[in-house]
PDB file of N, CA and C in Angstrom:
ATOM      1  N   MET A   1     -16.882  12.005  23.087  1.00  0.00           N
ATOM      2  CA  MET A   1     -16.295  11.045  21.721  1.00  0.00           C
ATOM      3  C   MET A   1     -16.708  11.993  20.364  1.00  0.00           C
ATOM      4  N   ARG A   2     -17.575  12.730  20.711  1.00  0.00           N
ATOM      5  CA  ARG A   2     -18.277  13.283  19.319  1.00  0.00           C
ATOM      6  C   ARG A   2     -17.083  14.107  18.824  1.00  0.00           C
ATOM      7  N   SER A   3     -16.513  15.029  19.936  1.00  0.00           N
ATOM      8  CA  SER A   3     -15.447  16.492  19.446  1.00  0.00           C
ATOM      9  C   SER A   3     -14.151  15.746  19.190  1.00  0.00           C
ATOM     10  N   PHE A   4     -13.714  13.968  19.561  1.00  0.00           N
ATOM     11  CA  PHE A   4     -12.502  13.702  19.301  1.00  0.00           C
ATOM     12  C   PHE A   4     -12.644  13.320  17.702  1.00  0.00           C
ATOM     13  N   TYR A   5     -13.879  12.785  17.242  1.00  0.00           N
ATOM     14  CA  TYR A   5     -14.209  12.750  15.828  1.00  0.00           C
ATOM     15  C   TYR A   5     -13.997  14.204  15.189  1.00  0.00           C
ATOM     16  N   ALA A   6     -14.571  14.945  15.523  1.00  0.00           N
ATOM     17  CA  ALA A   6     -14.664  16.363  14.609  1.00  0.00           C
ATOM     18  C   ALA A   6     -13.135  17.031  14.933  1.00  0.00           C
ATOM     19  N   ALA A   7     -12.559  16.598  16.081  1.00  0.00           N
ATOM     20  CA  ALA A   7     -11.343  17.127  15.954  1.00  0.00           C
ATOM     21  C   ALA A   7     -10.431  16.702  14.823  1.00  0.00           C
ATOM     22  N   MET A   8     -10.521  14.944  14.705  1.00  0.00           N
ATOM     23  CA  MET A   8      -9.978  14.171  13.995  1.00  0.00           C
ATOM     24  C   MET A   8     -10.362  14.487  12.182  1.00  0.00           C
ATOM     25  N   ARG A   9     -11.569  14.731  12.239  1.00  0.00           N
ATOM     26  CA  ARG A   9     -12.041  15.239  10.739  1.00  0.00           C
ATOM     27  C   ARG A   9     -11.411  16.375  10.215  1.00  0.00           C
ATOM     28  N   GLY A  10     -11.149  17.516  11.301  1.00  0.00           N
ATOM     29  CA  GLY A  10     -10.368  18.871  11.094  1.00  0.00           C
ATOM     30  C   GLY A  10      -9.273  18.996  10.862  1.00  0.00           C
ATOM     31  N   LEU A  11      -8.338  17.567  11.428  1.00  0.00           N
ATOM     32  CA  LEU A  11      -7.133  17.317  11.472  1.00  0.00           C
ATOM     33  C   LEU A  11      -7.005  16.683   9.830  1.00  0.00           C
ATOM     34  N   LEU A  12      -7.650  15.850   9.631  1.00  0.00           N
ATOM     35  CA  LEU A  12      -7.679  14.849   8.098  1.00  0.00           C
ATOM     36  C   LEU A  12      -7.674  15.912   7.136  1.00  0.00           C
ATOM     37  N   HIS A  13      -8.964  16.746   7.246  1.00  0.00           N
ATOM     38  CA  HIS A  13      -9.145  18.116   6.320  1.00  0.00           C
ATOM     39  C   HIS A  13      -8.085  18.985   6.210  1.00  0.00           C
ATOM     40  N   ALA A  14      -7.119  19.397   6.827  1.00  0.00           N
ATOM     41  CA  ALA A  14      -6.198  19.961   7.114  1.00  0.00           C
ATOM     42  C   ALA A  14      -4.751  19.421   6.493  1.00  0.00           C
ATOM     43  N   VAL A  15      -4.591  18.252   6.775  1.00  0.00           N
ATOM     44  CA  VAL A  15      -3.527  17.284   6.143  1.00  0.00           C
ATOM     45  C   VAL A  15      -3.437  17.473   4.609  1.00  0.00           C
ATOM     46  N   LEU A  16      -5.365  16.851   4.463  1.00  0.00           N
ATOM     47  CA  LEU A  16      -5.372  16.825   2.909  1.00  0.00           C
ATOM     48  C   LEU A  16      -5.117  18.113   2.071  1.00  0.00           C
ATOM     49  N   LEU A  17      -5.844  19.109   2.815  1.00  0.00           N
ATOM     50  CA  LEU A  17      -5.387  20.376   1.884  1.00  0.00           C
ATOM     51  C   LEU A  17      -4.134  20.641   1.624  1.00  0.00           C
ATOM     52  N   GLY A  18      -3.313  20.550   3.082  1.00  0.00           N
ATOM     53  CA  GLY A  18      -1.854  20.763   2.689  1.00  0.00           C
ATOM     54  C   GLY A  18      -0.829  19.815   2.072  1.00  0.00           C
ATOM     55  N   LEU A  19      -1.431  18.633   1.307  1.00  0.00           N
ATOM     56  CA  LEU A  19      -0.672  18.071   0.342  1.00  0.00           C
ATOM     57  C   LEU A  19      -1.215  18.359  -0.750  1.00  0.00           C
ATOM     58  N   LEU A  20      -2.523  18.887  -1.188  1.00  0.00           N
ATOM     59  CA  LEU A  20      -2.743  19.294  -2.404  1.00  0.00           C
ATOM     60  C   LEU A  20      -2.129  20.291  -2.633  1.00  0.00           C
ATOM     61  N   GLY A  21      -2.200  21.453  -1.450  1.00  0.00           N
ATOM     62  CA  GLY A  21      -1.572  22.617  -1.948  1.00  0.00           C
ATOM     63  C   GLY A  21      -0.087  22.508  -2.305  1.00  0.00           C
ATOM     64  N   ALA A  22       0.854  21.442  -1.397  1.00  0.00           N
ATOM     65  CA  ALA A  22       2.370  20.938  -1.797  1.00  0.00           C
ATOM     66  C   ALA A  22       2.565  20.113  -3.118  1.00  0.00           C
ATOM     67  N   GLY A  23       1.319  19.905  -3.667  1.00  0.00           N
ATOM     68  CA  GLY A  23       1.208  19.362  -4.948  1.00  0.00           C
ATOM     69  C   GLY A  23       1.233  20.174  -6.023  1.00  0.00           C
ATOM     70  N   ILE A  24       0.462  20.943  -5.747  1.00  0.00           N
ATOM     71  CA  ILE A  24       0.376  22.548  -6.839  1.00  0.00           C
ATOM     72  C   ILE A  24       1.645  22.905  -6.864  1.00  0.00           C
ATOM     73  N   VAL A  25       1.951  23.496  -5.745  1.00  0.00           N
ATOM     74  CA  VAL A  25       3.200  24.153  -5.856  1.00  0.00           C
ATOM     75  C   VAL A  25       4.657  23.446  -6.580  1.00  0.00           C
ATOM     76  N   HIS A  26       4.661  22.143  -6.033  1.00  0.00           N
ATOM     77  CA  HIS A  26       5.698  21.262  -6.874  1.00  0.00           C
ATOM     78  C   HIS A  26       5.475  21.173  -8.241  1.00  0.00           C
ATOM     79  N   ILE A  27       4.218  20.976  -8.695  1.00  0.00           N
ATOM     80  CA  ILE A  27       3.705  20.974 -10.014  1.00  0.00           C
ATOM     81  C   ILE A  27       4.268  22.264 -10.669  1.00  0.00           C
ATOM     82  N   SER A  28       3.696  23.156 -10.175  1.00  0.00           N
ATOM     83  CA  SER A  28       4.079  24.433 -10.503  1.00  0.00           C
ATOM     84  C   SER A  28       5.619  25.097 -10.736  1.00  0.00           C
ATOM     85  N   VAL A  29       6.263  24.810 -10.008  1.00  0.00           N
ATOM     86  CA  VAL A  29       7.781  24.885  -9.948  1.00  0.00           C
ATOM     87  C   VAL A  29       8.398  24.032 -11.308  1.00  0.00           C
ATOM     88  N   LEU A  30       7.865  22.782 -11.413  1.00  0.00           N
ATOM     89  CA  LEU A  30       8.796  22.056 -12.328  1.00  0.00           C
ATOM     90  C   LEU A  30       8.439  22.428 -13.700  1.00  0.00           C
ATOM     91  N   LEU A  31       7.310  22.936 -13.808  1.00  0.00           N
ATOM     92  CA  LEU A  31       6.822  23.596 -14.928  1.00  0.00           C
ATOM     93  C   LEU A  31       7.429  24.949 -15.241  1.00  0.00           C
ATOM     94  N   LEU A  32       7.819  25.512 -14.193  1.00  0.00           N
ATOM     95  CA  LEU A  32       8.419  26.905 -14.429  1.00  0.00           C
ATOM     96  C   LEU A  32      10.168  26.875 -14.425  1.00  0.00           C
ATOM     97  N   VAL A  33      10.692  25.549 -14.273  1.00  0.00           N
ATOM     98  CA  VAL A  33      11.910  25.489 -14.127  1.00  0.00           C
ATOM     99  C   VAL A  33      12.464  25.845 -15.542  1.00  0.00           C
ATOM    100  N   PRO A  34      12.059  25.452 -16.926  1.00  0.00           N
ATOM    101  CA  PRO A  34      12.507  26.189 -18.048  1.00  0.00           C
ATOM    102  C   PRO A  34      12.659  27.401 -18.317  1.00  0.00           C
ATOM    103  N   GLU A  35      11.740  28.280 -17.563  1.00  0.00           N
ATOM    104  CA  GLU A  35      11.273  29.502 -17.802  1.00  0.00           C
ATOM    105  C   GLU A  35      12.763  30.342 -16.982  1.00  0.00           C
ATOM    106  N   PHE A  36      13.401  29.742 -16.113  1.00  0.00           N
ATOM    107  CA  PHE A  36      14.349  30.082 -15.497  1.00  0.00           C
ATOM    108  C   PHE A  36      15.537  29.564 -15.380  1.00  0.00           C
ATOM    109  N   SER A  37      15.839  28.820 -16.459  1.00  0.00           N
ATOM    110  CA  SER A  37      16.963  27.937 -16.515  1.00  0.00           C
ATOM    111  C   SER A  37      17.788  28.685 -17.470  1.00  0.00           C
ATOM    112  N   GLU A  38      19.069  29.038 -17.347  1.00  0.00           N
ATOM    113  CA  GLU A  38      20.207  29.327 -18.515  1.00  0.00           C
ATOM    114  C   GLU A  38      20.526  28.568 -19.080  1.00  0.00           C
ATOM    115  N   ARG A  39      20.894  27.532 -18.869  1.00  0.00           N
ATOM    116  CA  ARG A  39      21.235  26.100 -20.023  1.00  0.00           C
ATOM    117  C   ARG A  39      20.646  25.324 -20.351  1.00  0.00           C
ATOM    118  N   ASP A  40      19.423  25.674 -20.748  1.00  0.00           N
ATOM    119  CA  ASP A  40      18.575  24.434 -21.556  1.00  0.00           C
ATOM    120  C   ASP A  40      18.687  24.242 -22.575  1.00  0.00           C
ATOM    121  N   ALA A  41      18.044  22.951 -23.264  1.00  0.00           N
ATOM    122  CA  ALA A  41      18.177  22.565 -24.812  1.00  0.00           C
ATOM    123  C   ALA A  41      18.293  23.525 -25.655  1.00  0.00           C
ATOM    124  N   TRP A  42      17.531  24.674 -25.727  1.00  0.00           N
ATOM    125  CA  TRP A  42      17.554  25.229 -26.626  1.00  0.00           C
ATOM    126  C   TRP A  42      18.592  26.396 -26.829  1.00  0.00           C
ATOM    127  N   SER A  43      18.948  26.651 -25.679  1.00  0.00           N
ATOM    128  CA  SER A  43      20.272  27.647 -25.420  1.00  0.00           C
ATOM    129  C   SER A  43      21.608  27.218 -25.959  1.00  0.00           C
ATOM    130  N   ARG A  44      21.550  25.792 -25.506  1.00  0.00           N
ATOM    131  CA  ARG A  44      22.904  25.191 -25.605  1.00  0.00           C
ATOM    132  C   ARG A  44      22.858  24.538 -27.373  1.00  0.00           C
ATOM    133  N   LEU A  45      21.541  24.465 -27.710  1.00  0.00           N
ATOM    134  CA  LEU A  45      21.400  24.490 -29.535  1.00  0.00           C
ATOM    135  C   LEU A  45      21.808  25.470 -30.183  1.00  0.00           C
ATOM    136  N   SER A  46      21.495  26.632 -29.135  1.00  0.00           N
ATOM    137  CA  SER A  46      21.667  27.702 -30.101  1.00  0.00           C
ATOM    138  C   SER A  46      23.198  28.270 -30.149  1.00  0.00           C
ATOM    139  N   MET A  47      23.921  27.944 -29.190  1.00  0.00           N
ATOM    140  CA  MET A  47      25.197  27.961 -29.172  1.00  0.00           C
ATOM    141  C   MET A  47      25.769  27.277 -29.923  1.00  0.00           C
ATOM    142  N   ALA A  48      25.371  25.922 -30.254  1.00  0.00           N
ATOM    143  CA  ALA A  48      26.278  25.189 -31.129  1.00  0.00           C
ATOM    144  C   ALA A  48      26.108  25.459 -32.609  1.00  0.00           C
ATOM    145  N   SER A  49      25.261  26.178 -32.872  1.00  0.00           N
ATOM    146  CA  SER A  49      24.885  26.186 -34.688  1.00  0.00           C
ATOM    147  C   SER A  49      24.517  27.447 -34.660  1.00  0.00           C
ATOM    148  N   ASP A  50      24.494  28.055 -35.694  1.00  0.00           N
ATOM    149  CA  ASP A  50      23.774  29.323 -36.037  1.00  0.00           C
ATOM    150  C   ASP A  50      22.912  29.341 -37.186  1.00  0.00           C
ATOM    151  N   LEU A  51      21.658  28.406 -36.777  1.00  0.00           N
ATOM    152  CA  LEU A  51      20.454  28.384 -37.302  1.00  0.00           C
ATOM    153  C   LEU A  51      19.681  29.757 -36.787  1.00  0.00           C
ATOM    154  N   TYR A  52      18.907  30.224 -37.501  1.00  0.00           N
ATOM    155  CA  TYR A  52      17.632  31.232 -37.284  1.00  0.00           C
ATOM    156  C   TYR A  52      18.477  32.404 -37.007  1.00  0.00           C
ATOM    157  N   LYS A  53      19.841  32.526 -37.227  1.00  0.00           N
ATOM    158  CA  LYS A  53      20.755  33.645 -37.206  1.00  0.00           C
ATOM    159  C   LYS A  53      20.804  34.762 -38.794  1.00  0.00           C
TER     160      LYS A  53
END
């Protein structure tokens, strides 16, 4: 019975680490989207007017 609880604790540990890692990856991807976007707000605004030129 003790090995069952150890296995469940290991599984819970792996699941929690996986969820934490997935959360970190998703947050970092969301924060990096503007860096790789071609049609963001600043590029559309710069095409609409010639400020700063």
